[in-house]
């Protein structure tokens, strides 16, 4: 798992790409001794999720079919 955010970056001229994000809010900070893998993050989340939301958008030269504007 990476420790830095990398924004969506579809290949030039490849058309639109649909991105889906799942966002979580926690009751407390999740602490790790080292950068965790996905399994460790999911296990640490259990019992500490305050809220969650989904977001979907397209990135690229054209909007993906079925994806709302904005």
N, C-alpha and C. Protein backbone atom coordinates (compact mmCIF):
# COMPACT_ATOMS: atom_id res chain seq x y z
N UNK A 1 0.85 -1.16 0.00
CA UNK A 1 0.00 0.00 0.00
C UNK A 1 0.90 1.23 0.00
N UNK A 2 0.58 2.19 -0.83
CA UNK A 2 1.39 3.40 -0.91
C UNK A 2 1.04 4.36 0.22
N UNK A 3 2.01 5.18 0.61
CA UNK A 3 1.77 6.14 1.67
C UNK A 3 1.48 7.54 1.13
N UNK A 4 1.46 7.70 -0.18
CA UNK A 4 1.17 9.00 -0.80
C UNK A 4 -0.03 8.87 -1.73
N UNK A 5 -0.75 9.97 -1.90
CA UNK A 5 -1.90 9.99 -2.79
C UNK A 5 -1.44 10.23 -4.22
N UNK A 6 -1.91 9.41 -5.13
CA UNK A 6 -1.66 9.62 -6.56
C UNK A 6 -3.00 9.83 -7.24
N UNK A 7 -3.20 10.98 -7.88
CA UNK A 7 -4.50 11.24 -8.52
C UNK A 7 -4.71 10.35 -9.73
N UNK A 8 -5.97 10.21 -10.18
CA UNK A 8 -6.25 9.44 -11.39
C UNK A 8 -5.44 9.99 -12.57
N UNK A 9 -4.88 9.11 -13.35
CA UNK A 9 -4.04 9.53 -14.48
C UNK A 9 -4.18 8.52 -15.62
N UNK A 10 -5.33 8.54 -16.33
CA UNK A 10 -5.50 7.59 -17.43
C UNK A 10 -4.53 7.90 -18.57
N UNK A 11 -4.16 6.89 -19.34
CA UNK A 11 -3.24 7.11 -20.46
C UNK A 11 -3.84 8.10 -21.47
N UNK A 12 -3.02 8.99 -22.00
CA UNK A 12 -3.45 9.97 -23.00
C UNK A 12 -4.02 9.27 -24.21
N UNK A 13 -5.20 9.74 -24.66
CA UNK A 13 -5.83 9.20 -25.85
C UNK A 13 -6.52 7.86 -25.63
N UNK A 14 -6.59 7.39 -24.42
CA UNK A 14 -7.17 6.08 -24.13
C UNK A 14 -8.67 6.16 -23.85
N UNK A 15 -9.21 7.38 -23.81
CA UNK A 15 -10.63 7.56 -23.53
C UNK A 15 -10.90 7.68 -22.05
N UNK A 16 -12.16 7.76 -21.68
CA UNK A 16 -12.52 7.98 -20.27
C UNK A 16 -12.32 6.74 -19.41
N UNK A 17 -12.00 6.98 -18.16
CA UNK A 17 -11.87 5.92 -17.17
C UNK A 17 -12.77 6.25 -16.01
N UNK A 18 -13.51 5.28 -15.50
CA UNK A 18 -14.38 5.48 -14.36
C UNK A 18 -13.62 5.12 -13.08
N UNK A 19 -13.66 6.02 -12.12
CA UNK A 19 -12.99 5.80 -10.84
C UNK A 19 -14.05 5.79 -9.74
N UNK A 20 -13.97 4.81 -8.86
CA UNK A 20 -14.88 4.73 -7.72
C UNK A 20 -14.05 4.78 -6.43
N UNK A 21 -14.44 5.64 -5.51
CA UNK A 21 -13.75 5.80 -4.24
C UNK A 21 -14.69 5.46 -3.10
N UNK A 22 -14.18 4.77 -2.11
CA UNK A 22 -14.93 4.51 -0.89
C UNK A 22 -14.21 5.26 0.22
N UNK A 23 -14.93 6.13 0.92
CA UNK A 23 -14.34 7.00 1.92
C UNK A 23 -14.90 6.62 3.29
N UNK A 24 -14.02 6.57 4.30
CA UNK A 24 -14.42 6.20 5.65
C UNK A 24 -14.07 7.31 6.64
N UNK A 25 -14.91 7.49 7.64
CA UNK A 25 -14.62 8.35 8.80
C UNK A 25 -14.54 7.42 10.01
N UNK A 26 -13.54 7.63 10.85
CA UNK A 26 -13.31 6.75 11.99
C UNK A 26 -13.53 7.47 13.32
N UNK A 27 -13.87 6.70 14.34
CA UNK A 27 -13.99 7.23 15.70
C UNK A 27 -12.64 7.63 16.27
N UNK A 28 -11.61 6.98 15.80
CA UNK A 28 -10.27 7.24 16.32
C UNK A 28 -9.25 7.07 15.20
N UNK A 29 -8.04 7.55 15.41
CA UNK A 29 -6.96 7.41 14.43
C UNK A 29 -6.51 5.95 14.40
N UNK A 30 -6.28 5.44 13.20
CA UNK A 30 -5.74 4.09 13.07
C UNK A 30 -4.22 4.19 13.10
N UNK A 31 -3.60 3.61 14.10
CA UNK A 31 -2.14 3.69 14.27
C UNK A 31 -1.48 2.40 13.81
N UNK A 32 -0.37 2.55 13.09
CA UNK A 32 0.41 1.42 12.61
C UNK A 32 1.88 1.70 12.85
N UNK A 33 2.65 0.65 13.13
CA UNK A 33 4.09 0.80 13.34
C UNK A 33 4.85 1.01 12.03
N UNK A 34 4.26 0.57 10.93
CA UNK A 34 4.88 0.69 9.62
C UNK A 34 3.75 0.80 8.60
N UNK A 35 4.03 1.20 7.35
CA UNK A 35 2.96 1.28 6.35
C UNK A 35 2.24 -0.06 6.23
N UNK A 36 0.92 -0.08 6.48
CA UNK A 36 0.18 -1.34 6.49
C UNK A 36 -0.24 -1.79 5.10
N UNK A 37 -0.50 -3.07 4.99
CA UNK A 37 -1.11 -3.62 3.79
C UNK A 37 -2.62 -3.50 3.91
N UNK A 38 -3.32 -3.84 2.85
CA UNK A 38 -4.78 -3.71 2.83
C UNK A 38 -5.43 -4.52 3.96
N UNK A 39 -4.98 -5.76 4.17
CA UNK A 39 -5.57 -6.62 5.19
C UNK A 39 -5.46 -5.99 6.58
N UNK A 40 -4.30 -5.43 6.90
CA UNK A 40 -4.10 -4.80 8.21
C UNK A 40 -5.01 -3.58 8.37
N UNK A 41 -5.20 -2.80 7.32
CA UNK A 41 -6.07 -1.63 7.39
C UNK A 41 -7.52 -2.07 7.62
N UNK A 42 -7.98 -3.05 6.85
CA UNK A 42 -9.36 -3.53 6.99
C UNK A 42 -9.60 -4.08 8.40
N UNK A 43 -8.66 -4.84 8.93
CA UNK A 43 -8.80 -5.39 10.28
C UNK A 43 -8.82 -4.28 11.33
N UNK A 44 -8.00 -3.25 11.16
CA UNK A 44 -7.96 -2.14 12.12
C UNK A 44 -9.24 -1.30 12.09
N UNK A 45 -9.93 -1.31 10.96
CA UNK A 45 -11.17 -0.53 10.80
C UNK A 45 -12.34 -1.13 11.57
N UNK A 46 -12.32 -2.43 11.80
CA UNK A 46 -13.46 -3.12 12.41
C UNK A 46 -13.82 -2.49 13.76
N UNK A 47 -15.08 -2.06 13.85
CA UNK A 47 -15.58 -1.47 15.08
C UNK A 47 -15.28 0.00 15.26
N UNK A 48 -14.62 0.64 14.28
CA UNK A 48 -14.21 2.03 14.44
C UNK A 48 -14.74 2.94 13.33
N UNK A 49 -15.62 2.45 12.47
CA UNK A 49 -16.14 3.26 11.36
C UNK A 49 -17.32 4.09 11.85
N UNK A 50 -17.20 5.41 11.73
CA UNK A 50 -18.25 6.34 12.11
C UNK A 50 -19.23 6.52 10.94
N UNK A 51 -18.69 6.63 9.72
CA UNK A 51 -19.52 6.81 8.53
C UNK A 51 -18.72 6.39 7.31
N UNK A 52 -19.44 6.12 6.22
CA UNK A 52 -18.77 5.81 4.96
C UNK A 52 -19.57 6.39 3.81
N UNK A 53 -18.88 6.62 2.70
CA UNK A 53 -19.54 7.19 1.51
C UNK A 53 -18.82 6.68 0.28
N UNK A 54 -19.53 6.76 -0.84
CA UNK A 54 -18.97 6.37 -2.13
C UNK A 54 -18.96 7.58 -3.05
N UNK A 55 -17.98 7.66 -3.92
CA UNK A 55 -17.91 8.71 -4.93
C UNK A 55 -17.42 8.07 -6.22
N UNK A 56 -18.03 8.45 -7.32
CA UNK A 56 -17.59 7.92 -8.63
C UNK A 56 -17.46 9.09 -9.59
N UNK A 57 -16.41 9.05 -10.41
CA UNK A 57 -16.23 10.09 -11.42
C UNK A 57 -15.42 9.53 -12.58
N UNK A 58 -15.41 10.27 -13.67
CA UNK A 58 -14.61 9.88 -14.82
C UNK A 58 -13.45 10.83 -14.97
N UNK A 59 -12.40 10.34 -15.58
CA UNK A 59 -11.24 11.15 -15.91
C UNK A 59 -10.78 10.72 -17.29
N UNK A 60 -10.51 11.68 -18.13
CA UNK A 60 -10.09 11.38 -19.49
C UNK A 60 -10.73 12.35 -20.46
N UNK A 61 -10.61 12.07 -21.74
CA UNK A 61 -11.08 13.00 -22.75
C UNK A 61 -12.59 13.02 -22.93
N UNK A 62 -13.28 11.95 -22.56
CA UNK A 62 -14.74 11.89 -22.71
C UNK A 62 -15.35 11.29 -21.45
N UNK A 63 -16.61 11.61 -21.20
CA UNK A 63 -17.31 11.08 -20.04
C UNK A 63 -17.75 9.64 -20.31
N UNK A 64 -17.57 8.75 -19.36
CA UNK A 64 -17.96 7.36 -19.51
C UNK A 64 -19.49 7.24 -19.58
N UNK A 65 -19.98 6.32 -20.37
CA UNK A 65 -21.42 6.10 -20.50
C UNK A 65 -22.03 5.76 -19.15
N UNK A 66 -23.13 6.42 -18.81
CA UNK A 66 -23.83 6.15 -17.57
C UNK A 66 -23.29 6.92 -16.38
N UNK A 67 -22.23 7.69 -16.54
CA UNK A 67 -21.68 8.46 -15.44
C UNK A 67 -22.26 9.87 -15.47
N UNK A 68 -22.82 10.36 -14.37
CA UNK A 68 -23.41 11.69 -14.36
C UNK A 68 -22.37 12.79 -14.54
N UNK A 69 -22.82 13.91 -15.06
CA UNK A 69 -21.92 15.07 -15.23
C UNK A 69 -21.56 15.64 -13.86
N UNK A 70 -20.39 16.26 -13.79
CA UNK A 70 -20.01 16.94 -12.57
C UNK A 70 -19.12 16.12 -11.77
